[in-house]
């Protein structure tokens, strides 16, 4: 956004704290594995990510980035399977 010829950017969004991240993961179907001293692994299907117990901004940001990568991989794999089934059904009925 520019005001008076000066470029301004919005402030960065605040990251969730560890408890909010845990709640979100539970809500979206991830299961928490037994906790260790620094955090715990969370699993959905074959994907796993590490999530800290403490509100460490660096660690939480890394967990969110790994979650995003796993989610993109999961949904892109799902989409490829659906498209392959559609293509197979179209060739079958020609």
PDB file of N, CA and C in Angstrom:
ATOM      1  N   UNK A   1       0.853  -1.161   0.000  1.00  0.00           N
ATOM      2  CA  UNK A   1       0.000   0.000   0.000  1.00  0.00           C
ATOM      3  C   UNK A   1       0.902   1.227   0.000  1.00  0.00           C
ATOM      4  N   UNK A   2       0.539   2.245  -0.751  1.00  0.00           N
ATOM      5  CA  UNK A   2       1.312   3.485  -0.757  1.00  0.00           C
ATOM      6  C   UNK A   2       0.471   4.633  -0.222  1.00  0.00           C
ATOM      7  N   UNK A   3       1.107   5.463   0.567  1.00  0.00           N
ATOM      8  CA  UNK A   3       0.488   6.673   1.097  1.00  0.00           C
ATOM      9  C   UNK A   3       1.505   7.787   0.942  1.00  0.00           C
ATOM     10  N   UNK A   4       1.103   8.860   0.274  1.00  0.00           N
ATOM     11  CA  UNK A   4       2.012   9.988   0.031  1.00  0.00           C
ATOM     12  C   UNK A   4       3.299   9.547  -0.662  1.00  0.00           C
ATOM     13  N   UNK A   5       3.190   8.578  -1.542  1.00  0.00           N
ATOM     14  CA  UNK A   5       4.358   8.112  -2.281  1.00  0.00           C
ATOM     15  C   UNK A   5       5.265   7.187  -1.489  1.00  0.00           C
ATOM     16  N   UNK A   6       4.924   6.851  -0.257  1.00  0.00           N
ATOM     17  CA  UNK A   6       5.736   5.971   0.564  1.00  0.00           C
ATOM     18  C   UNK A   6       5.090   4.586   0.599  1.00  0.00           C
ATOM     19  N   UNK A   7       5.906   3.585   0.403  1.00  0.00           N
ATOM     20  CA  UNK A   7       5.417   2.214   0.385  1.00  0.00           C
ATOM     21  C   UNK A   7       5.350   1.675   1.814  1.00  0.00           C
ATOM     22  N   UNK A   8       4.176   1.219   2.202  1.00  0.00           N
ATOM     23  CA  UNK A   8       3.976   0.624   3.528  1.00  0.00           C
ATOM     24  C   UNK A   8       3.541  -0.824   3.349  1.00  0.00           C
ATOM     25  N   UNK A   9       4.033  -1.670   4.207  1.00  0.00           N
ATOM     26  CA  UNK A   9       3.577  -3.057   4.187  1.00  0.00           C
ATOM     27  C   UNK A   9       2.877  -3.344   5.507  1.00  0.00           C
ATOM     28  N   UNK A  10       1.891  -4.215   5.475  1.00  0.00           N
ATOM     29  CA  UNK A  10       1.177  -4.531   6.716  1.00  0.00           C
ATOM     30  C   UNK A  10       2.114  -5.247   7.684  1.00  0.00           C
ATOM     31  N   UNK A  11       1.840  -5.167   8.962  1.00  0.00           N
ATOM     32  CA  UNK A  11       2.686  -5.877   9.924  1.00  0.00           C
ATOM     33  C   UNK A  11       2.530  -7.383   9.725  1.00  0.00           C
ATOM     34  N   UNK A  12       3.568  -8.148  10.045  1.00  0.00           N
ATOM     35  CA  UNK A  12       3.464  -9.597   9.880  1.00  0.00           C
ATOM     36  C   UNK A  12       2.384 -10.168  10.792  1.00  0.00           C
ATOM     37  N   UNK A  13       1.753 -11.229  10.328  1.00  0.00           N
ATOM     38  CA  UNK A  13       0.712 -11.871  11.132  1.00  0.00           C
ATOM     39  C   UNK A  13       1.355 -12.609  12.300  1.00  0.00           C
ATOM     40  N   UNK A  14       0.683 -12.567  13.416  1.00  0.00           N
ATOM     41  CA  UNK A  14       1.188 -13.274  14.593  1.00  0.00           C
ATOM     42  C   UNK A  14       1.028 -14.783  14.406  1.00  0.00           C
ATOM     43  N   UNK A  15       2.023 -15.509  14.834  1.00  0.00           N
ATOM     44  CA  UNK A  15       1.950 -16.965  14.763  1.00  0.00           C
ATOM     45  C   UNK A  15       1.098 -17.489  15.910  1.00  0.00           C
ATOM     46  N   UNK A  16       0.480 -18.640  15.729  1.00  0.00           N
ATOM     47  CA  UNK A  16      -0.279 -19.227  16.847  1.00  0.00           C
ATOM     48  C   UNK A  16       0.694 -19.695  17.929  1.00  0.00           C
ATOM     49  N   UNK A  17       0.197 -19.812  19.138  1.00  0.00           N
ATOM     50  CA  UNK A  17       1.048 -20.395  20.175  1.00  0.00           C
ATOM     51  C   UNK A  17       0.968 -21.915  20.068  1.00  0.00           C
ATOM     52  N   UNK A  18       1.750 -22.614  20.888  1.00  0.00           N
ATOM     53  CA  UNK A  18       1.826 -24.077  20.782  1.00  0.00           C
ATOM     54  C   UNK A  18       0.465 -24.729  21.023  1.00  0.00           C
ATOM     55  N   UNK A  19      -0.284 -24.245  22.014  1.00  0.00           N
ATOM     56  CA  UNK A  19      -1.590 -24.843  22.317  1.00  0.00           C
ATOM     57  C   UNK A  19      -2.568 -24.657  21.151  1.00  0.00           C
ATOM     58  N   UNK A  20      -2.549 -23.491  20.516  1.00  0.00           N
ATOM     59  CA  UNK A  20      -3.421 -23.248  19.361  1.00  0.00           C
ATOM     60  C   UNK A  20      -3.039 -24.164  18.201  1.00  0.00           C
ATOM     61  N   UNK A  21      -1.748 -24.352  17.999  1.00  0.00           N
ATOM     62  CA  UNK A  21      -1.290 -25.238  16.922  1.00  0.00           C
ATOM     63  C   UNK A  21      -1.722 -26.681  17.209  1.00  0.00           C
ATOM     64  N   UNK A  22      -1.597 -27.122  18.457  1.00  0.00           N
ATOM     65  CA  UNK A  22      -2.044 -28.474  18.824  1.00  0.00           C
ATOM     66  C   UNK A  22      -3.544 -28.635  18.567  1.00  0.00           C
ATOM     67  N   UNK A  23      -4.323 -27.636  18.947  1.00  0.00           N
ATOM     68  CA  UNK A  23      -5.777 -27.697  18.735  1.00  0.00           C
ATOM     69  C   UNK A  23      -6.114 -27.779  17.255  1.00  0.00           C
ATOM     70  N   UNK A  24      -5.435 -26.985  16.447  1.00  0.00           N
ATOM     71  CA  UNK A  24      -5.683 -26.993  15.001  1.00  0.00           C
ATOM     72  C   UNK A  24      -5.354 -28.363  14.405  1.00  0.00           C
ATOM     73  N   UNK A  25      -4.218 -28.927  14.807  1.00  0.00           N
ATOM     74  CA  UNK A  25      -3.840 -30.232  14.270  1.00  0.00           C
ATOM     75  C   UNK A  25      -4.867 -31.296  14.647  1.00  0.00           C
ATOM     76  N   UNK A  26      -5.334 -31.285  15.896  1.00  0.00           N
ATOM     77  CA  UNK A  26      -6.373 -32.237  16.306  1.00  0.00           C
ATOM     78  C   UNK A  26      -7.633 -32.055  15.461  1.00  0.00           C
ATOM     79  N   UNK A  27      -8.019 -30.807  15.249  1.00  0.00           N
ATOM     80  CA  UNK A  27      -9.231 -30.490  14.485  1.00  0.00           C
ATOM     81  C   UNK A  27      -9.139 -30.973  13.044  1.00  0.00           C
ATOM     82  N   UNK A  28      -7.935 -30.933  12.464  1.00  0.00           N
ATOM     83  CA  UNK A  28      -7.770 -31.310  11.059  1.00  0.00           C
ATOM     84  C   UNK A  28      -7.389 -32.776  10.869  1.00  0.00           C
ATOM     85  N   UNK A  29      -7.507 -33.582  11.944  1.00  0.00           N
ATOM     86  CA  UNK A  29      -7.339 -35.023  11.784  1.00  0.00           C
ATOM     87  C   UNK A  29      -5.971 -35.584  12.091  1.00  0.00           C
ATOM     88  N   UNK A  30      -5.043 -34.798  12.602  1.00  0.00           N
ATOM     89  CA  UNK A  30      -3.727 -35.300  12.974  1.00  0.00           C
ATOM     90  C   UNK A  30      -3.822 -35.944  14.345  1.00  0.00           C
ATOM     91  N   UNK A  31      -3.000 -36.969  14.583  1.00  0.00           N
ATOM     92  CA  UNK A  31      -2.964 -37.651  15.878  1.00  0.00           C
ATOM     93  C   UNK A  31      -1.611 -37.425  16.525  1.00  0.00           C
ATOM     94  N   UNK A  32      -1.647 -37.081  17.809  1.00  0.00           N
ATOM     95  CA  UNK A  32      -0.413 -36.831  18.547  1.00  0.00           C
ATOM     96  C   UNK A  32       0.190 -38.146  19.004  1.00  0.00           C
ATOM     97  N   UNK A  33       1.482 -38.326  18.715  1.00  0.00           N
ATOM     98  CA  UNK A  33       2.215 -39.494  19.186  1.00  0.00           C
ATOM     99  C   UNK A  33       2.776 -39.177  20.572  1.00  0.00           C
ATOM    100  N   UNK A  34       3.273 -40.165  21.316  1.00  0.00           N
ATOM    101  CA  UNK A  34       3.806 -39.886  22.650  1.00  0.00           C
ATOM    102  C   UNK A  34       4.834 -38.744  22.639  1.00  0.00           C
ATOM    103  N   UNK A  35       4.707 -37.878  23.625  1.00  0.00           N
ATOM    104  CA  UNK A  35       5.538 -36.672  23.687  1.00  0.00           C
ATOM    105  C   UNK A  35       6.942 -36.976  24.192  1.00  0.00           C
ATOM    106  N   UNK A  36       7.885 -36.173  23.723  1.00  0.00           N
ATOM    107  CA  UNK A  36       9.262 -36.234  24.193  1.00  0.00           C
ATOM    108  C   UNK A  36       9.573 -34.990  25.010  1.00  0.00           C
ATOM    109  N   UNK A  37      10.831 -34.759  25.336  1.00  0.00           N
ATOM    110  CA  UNK A  37      11.181 -33.625  26.181  1.00  0.00           C
ATOM    111  C   UNK A  37      10.972 -32.262  25.506  1.00  0.00           C
ATOM    112  N   UNK A  38      11.097 -32.178  24.199  1.00  0.00           N
ATOM    113  CA  UNK A  38      10.991 -30.889  23.518  1.00  0.00           C
ATOM    114  C   UNK A  38       9.678 -30.691  22.786  1.00  0.00           C
ATOM    115  N   UNK A  39       8.967 -31.761  22.520  1.00  0.00           N
ATOM    116  CA  UNK A  39       7.732 -31.656  21.761  1.00  0.00           C
ATOM    117  C   UNK A  39       7.196 -33.032  21.440  1.00  0.00           C
ATOM    118  N   UNK A  40       6.394 -33.106  20.413  1.00  0.00           N
ATOM    119  CA  UNK A  40       5.827 -34.393  20.025  1.00  0.00           C
ATOM    120  C   UNK A  40       5.683 -34.462  18.518  1.00  0.00           C
ATOM    121  N   UNK A  41       5.639 -35.679  18.036  1.00  0.00           N
ATOM    122  CA  UNK A  41       5.351 -35.896  16.624  1.00  0.00           C
ATOM    123  C   UNK A  41       3.846 -36.019  16.463  1.00  0.00           C
ATOM    124  N   UNK A  42       3.369 -35.517  15.344  1.00  0.00           N
ATOM    125  CA  UNK A  42       1.964 -35.633  14.981  1.00  0.00           C
ATOM    126  C   UNK A  42       1.909 -36.384  13.671  1.00  0.00           C
ATOM    127  N   UNK A  43       0.911 -37.245  13.523  1.00  0.00           N
ATOM    128  CA  UNK A  43       0.836 -38.117  12.358  1.00  0.00           C
ATOM    129  C   UNK A  43      -0.556 -38.062  11.730  1.00  0.00           C
ATOM    130  N   UNK A  44      -0.578 -38.055  10.399  1.00  0.00           N
ATOM    131  CA  UNK A  44      -1.811 -38.241   9.628  1.00  0.00           C
ATOM    132  C   UNK A  44      -1.430 -39.067   8.414  1.00  0.00           C
ATOM    133  N   UNK A  45      -2.072 -40.209   8.278  1.00  0.00           N
ATOM    134  CA  UNK A  45      -1.704 -41.181   7.247  1.00  0.00           C
ATOM    135  C   UNK A  45      -0.221 -41.524   7.437  1.00  0.00           C
ATOM    136  N   UNK A  46       0.619 -41.327   6.444  1.00  0.00           N
ATOM    137  CA  UNK A  46       2.044 -41.624   6.597  1.00  0.00           C
ATOM    138  C   UNK A  46       2.870 -40.371   6.868  1.00  0.00           C
ATOM    139  N   UNK A  47       2.235 -39.214   6.914  1.00  0.00           N
ATOM    140  CA  UNK A  47       2.948 -37.958   7.147  1.00  0.00           C
ATOM    141  C   UNK A  47       3.169 -37.742   8.641  1.00  0.00           C
ATOM    142  N   UNK A  48       4.333 -37.192   8.988  1.00  0.00           N
ATOM    143  CA  UNK A  48       4.655 -36.861  10.379  1.00  0.00           C
ATOM    144  C   UNK A  48       5.338 -35.515  10.435  1.00  0.00           C
ATOM    145  N   UNK A  49       4.978 -34.737  11.445  1.00  0.00           N
ATOM    146  CA  UNK A  49       5.656 -33.465  11.692  1.00  0.00           C
ATOM    147  C   UNK A  49       5.937 -33.346  13.187  1.00  0.00           C
ATOM    148  N   UNK A  50       7.003 -32.625  13.515  1.00  0.00           N
ATOM    149  CA  UNK A  50       7.337 -32.360  14.902  1.00  0.00           C
ATOM    150  C   UNK A  50       6.766 -31.014  15.325  1.00  0.00           C
ATOM    151  N   UNK A  51       6.204 -30.969  16.538  1.00  0.00           N
ATOM    152  CA  UNK A  51       5.606 -29.737  17.059  1.00  0.00           C
ATOM    153  C   UNK A  51       6.125 -29.526  18.479  1.00  0.00           C
ATOM    154  N   UNK A  52       6.626 -28.326  18.777  1.00  0.00           N
ATOM    155  CA  UNK A  52       7.182 -28.085  20.114  1.00  0.00           C
ATOM    156  C   UNK A  52       6.096 -27.931  21.179  1.00  0.00           C
ATOM    157  N   UNK A  53       6.498 -28.138  22.453  1.00  0.00           N
ATOM    158  CA  UNK A  53       5.612 -27.875  23.583  1.00  0.00           C
ATOM    159  C   UNK A  53       5.617 -26.395  23.942  1.00  0.00           C
ATOM    160  N   UNK A  54       6.766 -25.771  23.798  1.00  0.00           N
ATOM    161  CA  UNK A  54       6.948 -24.382  24.214  1.00  0.00           C
ATOM    162  C   UNK A  54       6.528 -23.419  23.104  1.00  0.00           C
ATOM    163  N   UNK A  55       6.267 -22.187  23.505  1.00  0.00           N
ATOM    164  CA  UNK A  55       5.895 -21.146  22.542  1.00  0.00           C
ATOM    165  C   UNK A  55       7.148 -20.505  21.946  1.00  0.00           C
ATOM    166  N   UNK A  56       7.917 -21.291  21.227  1.00  0.00           N
ATOM    167  CA  UNK A  56       9.135 -20.830  20.567  1.00  0.00           C
ATOM    168  C   UNK A  56       8.772 -20.462  19.132  1.00  0.00           C
ATOM    169  N   UNK A  57       8.859 -19.184  18.795  1.00  0.00           N
ATOM    170  CA  UNK A  57       8.396 -18.704  17.485  1.00  0.00           C
ATOM    171  C   UNK A  57       9.110 -19.402  16.327  1.00  0.00           C
ATOM    172  N   UNK A  58      10.419 -19.601  16.457  1.00  0.00           N
ATOM    173  CA  UNK A  58      11.197 -20.245  15.400  1.00  0.00           C
ATOM    174  C   UNK A  58      10.724 -21.685  15.177  1.00  0.00           C
ATOM    175  N   UNK A  59      10.523 -22.416  16.281  1.00  0.00           N
ATOM    176  CA  UNK A  59      10.099 -23.813  16.176  1.00  0.00           C
ATOM    177  C   UNK A  59       8.666 -23.932  15.658  1.00  0.00           C
ATOM    178  N   UNK A  60       7.786 -23.061  16.114  1.00  0.00           N
ATOM    179  CA  UNK A  60       6.394 -23.101  15.648  1.00  0.00           C
ATOM    180  C   UNK A  60       6.320 -22.773  14.161  1.00  0.00           C
ATOM    181  N   UNK A  61       7.099 -21.790  13.731  1.00  0.00           N
ATOM    182  CA  UNK A  61       7.117 -21.448  12.302  1.00  0.00           C
ATOM    183  C   UNK A  61       7.577 -22.644  11.472  1.00  0.00           C
ATOM    184  N   UNK A  62       8.597 -23.352  11.938  1.00  0.00           N
ATOM    185  CA  UNK A  62       9.067 -24.547  11.228  1.00  0.00           C
ATOM    186  C   UNK A  62       8.000 -25.634  11.166  1.00  0.00           C
ATOM    187  N   UNK A  63       7.264 -25.805  12.255  1.00  0.00           N
ATOM    188  CA  UNK A  63       6.192 -26.802  12.278  1.00  0.00           C
ATOM    189  C   UNK A  63       5.097 -26.452  11.276  1.00  0.00           C
ATOM    190  N   UNK A  64       4.748 -25.172  11.207  1.00  0.00           N
ATOM    191  CA  UNK A  64       3.715 -24.728  10.269  1.00  0.00           C
ATOM    192  C   UNK A  64       4.187 -24.936   8.827  1.00  0.00           C
ATOM    193  N   UNK A  65       5.461 -24.653   8.563  1.00  0.00           N
ATOM    194  CA  UNK A  65       5.995 -24.863   7.211  1.00  0.00           C
ATOM    195  C   UNK A  65       5.960 -26.344   6.838  1.00  0.00           C
ATOM    196  N   UNK A  66       6.337 -27.220   7.775  1.00  0.00           N
ATOM    197  CA  UNK A  66       6.292 -28.664   7.493  1.00  0.00           C
ATOM    198  C   UNK A  66       4.858 -29.139   7.308  1.00  0.00           C
ATOM    199  N   UNK A  67       3.935 -28.596   8.096  1.00  0.00           N
ATOM    200  CA  UNK A  67       2.514 -28.934   7.921  1.00  0.00           C
ATOM    201  C   UNK A  67       2.048 -28.547   6.519  1.00  0.00           C
ATOM    202  N   UNK A  68       2.431 -27.358   6.080  1.00  0.00           N
ATOM    203  CA  UNK A  68       2.013 -26.890   4.753  1.00  0.00           C
ATOM    204  C   UNK A  68       2.559 -27.803   3.658  1.00  0.00           C
ATOM    205  N   UNK A  69       3.808 -28.200   3.789  1.00  0.00           N
ATOM    206  CA  UNK A  69       4.411 -29.087   2.786  1.00  0.00           C
ATOM    207  C   UNK A  69       3.686 -30.427   2.760  1.00  0.00           C
ATOM    208  N   UNK A  70       3.415 -30.991   3.931  1.00  0.00           N
ATOM    209  CA  UNK A  70       2.719 -32.277   4.009  1.00  0.00           C
ATOM    210  C   UNK A  70       1.305 -32.168   3.445  1.00  0.00           C
ATOM    211  N   UNK A  71       0.624 -31.057   3.728  1.00  0.00           N
ATOM    212  CA  UNK A  71      -0.745 -30.876   3.236  1.00  0.00           C
ATOM    213  C   UNK A  71      -0.775 -30.772   1.721  1.00  0.00           C
ATOM    214  N   UNK A  72       0.157 -30.021   1.156  1.00  0.00           N
ATOM    215  CA  UNK A  72       0.218 -29.891  -0.302  1.00  0.00           C
ATOM    216  C   UNK A  72       0.491 -31.257  -0.923  1.00  0.00           C
ATOM    217  N   UNK A  73       1.418 -32.013  -0.332  1.00  0.00           N
ATOM    218  CA  UNK A  73       1.732 -33.342  -0.851  1.00  0.00           C
ATOM    219  C   UNK A  73       0.512 -34.246  -0.756  1.00  0.00           C
ATOM    220  N   UNK A  74      -0.180 -34.230   0.380  1.00  0.00           N
ATOM    221  CA  UNK A  74      -1.350 -35.082   0.585  1.00  0.00           C
ATOM    222  C   UNK A  74      -2.436 -34.769  -0.439  1.00  0.00           C
ATOM    223  N   UNK A  75      -2.784 -33.485  -0.589  1.00  0.00           N
ATOM    224  CA  UNK A  75      -3.874 -33.127  -1.491  1.00  0.00           C
ATOM    225  C   UNK A  75      -3.490 -33.265  -2.956  1.00  0.00           C
ATOM    226  N   UNK A  76      -2.219 -33.034  -3.292  1.00  0.00           N
ATOM    227  CA  UNK A  76      -1.827 -33.219  -4.692  1.00  0.00           C
ATOM    228  C   UNK A  76      -1.829 -34.703  -5.050  1.00  0.00           C
ATOM    229  N   UNK A  77      -1.426 -35.561  -4.116  1.00  0.00           N
ATOM    230  CA  UNK A  77      -1.472 -37.005  -4.350  1.00  0.00           C
ATOM    231  C   UNK A  77      -2.916 -37.467  -4.513  1.00  0.00           C
ATOM    232  N   UNK A  78      -3.794 -36.952  -3.656  1.00  0.00           N
ATOM    233  CA  UNK A  78      -5.215 -37.285  -3.740  1.00  0.00           C
ATOM    234  C   UNK A  78      -5.781 -36.851  -5.087  1.00  0.00           C
ATOM    235  N   UNK A  79      -5.446 -35.644  -5.542  1.00  0.00           N
ATOM    236  CA  UNK A  79      -5.956 -35.127  -6.809  1.00  0.00           C
ATOM    237  C   UNK A  79      -5.459 -35.968  -7.978  1.00  0.00           C
ATOM    238  N   UNK A  80      -4.199 -36.379  -7.941  1.00  0.00           N
ATOM    239  CA  UNK A  80      -3.656 -37.220  -9.011  1.00  0.00           C
ATOM    240  C   UNK A  80      -4.423 -38.539  -9.090  1.00  0.00           C
ATOM    241  N   UNK A  81      -4.715 -39.143  -7.931  1.00  0.00           N
ATOM    242  CA  UNK A  81      -5.478 -40.403  -7.922  1.00  0.00           C
ATOM    243  C   UNK A  81      -6.869 -40.210  -8.515  1.00  0.00           C
ATOM    244  N   UNK A  82      -7.537 -39.131  -8.156  1.00  0.00           N
ATOM    245  CA  UNK A  82      -8.877 -38.860  -8.684  1.00  0.00           C
ATOM    246  C   UNK A  82      -8.817 -38.665 -10.197  1.00  0.00           C
ATOM    247  N   UNK A  83      -7.852 -37.901 -10.664  1.00  0.00           N
ATOM    248  CA  UNK A  83      -7.728 -37.664 -12.105  1.00  0.00           C
ATOM    249  C   UNK A  83      -7.421 -38.959 -12.852  1.00  0.00           C
ATOM    250  N   UNK A  84      -6.604 -39.824 -12.267  1.00  0.00           N
ATOM    251  CA  UNK A  84      -6.315 -41.111 -12.906  1.00  0.00           C
ATOM    252  C   UNK A  84      -7.563 -41.984 -12.983  1.00  0.00           C
ATOM    253  N   UNK A  85      -8.379 -41.968 -11.938  1.00  0.00           N
ATOM    254  CA  UNK A  85      -9.621 -42.754 -11.969  1.00  0.00           C
ATOM    255  C   UNK A  85     -10.583 -42.204 -13.020  1.00  0.00           C
ATOM    256  N   UNK A  86     -10.653 -40.888 -13.149  1.00  0.00           N
ATOM    257  CA  UNK A  86     -11.515 -40.285 -14.170  1.00  0.00           C
ATOM    258  C   UNK A  86     -11.025 -40.666 -15.563  1.00  0.00           C
ATOM    259  N   UNK A  87      -9.714 -40.561 -15.771  1.00  0.00           N
ATOM    260  CA  UNK A  87      -9.156 -40.911 -17.079  1.00  0.00           C
ATOM    261  C   UNK A  87      -9.406 -42.379 -17.400  1.00  0.00           C
ATOM    262  N   UNK A  88      -9.260 -43.248 -16.401  1.00  0.00           N
ATOM    263  CA  UNK A  88      -9.504 -44.673 -16.609  1.00  0.00           C
ATOM    264  C   UNK A  88     -10.968 -44.928 -16.962  1.00  0.00           C
ATOM    265  N   UNK A  89     -11.872 -44.275 -16.267  1.00  0.00           N
ATOM    266  CA  UNK A  89     -13.291 -44.480 -16.561  1.00  0.00           C
ATOM    267  C   UNK A  89     -13.669 -43.934 -17.924  1.00  0.00           C
ATOM    268  N   UNK A  90     -13.030 -42.846 -18.366  1.00  0.00           N
ATOM    269  CA  UNK A  90     -13.323 -42.300 -19.691  1.00  0.00           C
ATOM    270  C   UNK A  90     -12.825 -43.228 -20.790  1.00  0.00           C
ATOM    271  N   UNK A  91     -11.675 -43.836 -20.595  1.00  0.00           N
ATOM    272  CA  UNK A  91     -11.159 -44.741 -21.629  1.00  0.00           C
ATOM    273  C   UNK A  91     -11.924 -46.050 -21.657  1.00  0.00           C
ATOM    274  N   UNK A  92     -12.493 -46.437 -20.549  1.00  0.00           N
ATOM    275  CA  UNK A  92     -13.236 -47.682 -20.458  1.00  0.00           C
ATOM    276  C   UNK A  92     -14.555 -47.607 -21.235  1.00  0.00           C
ATOM    277  N   UNK A  93     -15.166 -46.447 -21.290  1.00  0.00           N
ATOM    278  CA  UNK A  93     -16.481 -46.316 -21.918  1.00  0.00           C
ATOM    279  C   UNK A  93     -16.430 -45.731 -23.322  1.00  0.00           C
ATOM    280  N   UNK A  94     -15.314 -45.798 -23.962  1.00  0.00           N
ATOM    281  CA  UNK A  94     -15.220 -45.296 -25.343  1.00  0.00           C
ATOM    282  C   UNK A  94     -15.675 -46.311 -26.316  1.00  0.00           C
TER     283      UNK A  94
END
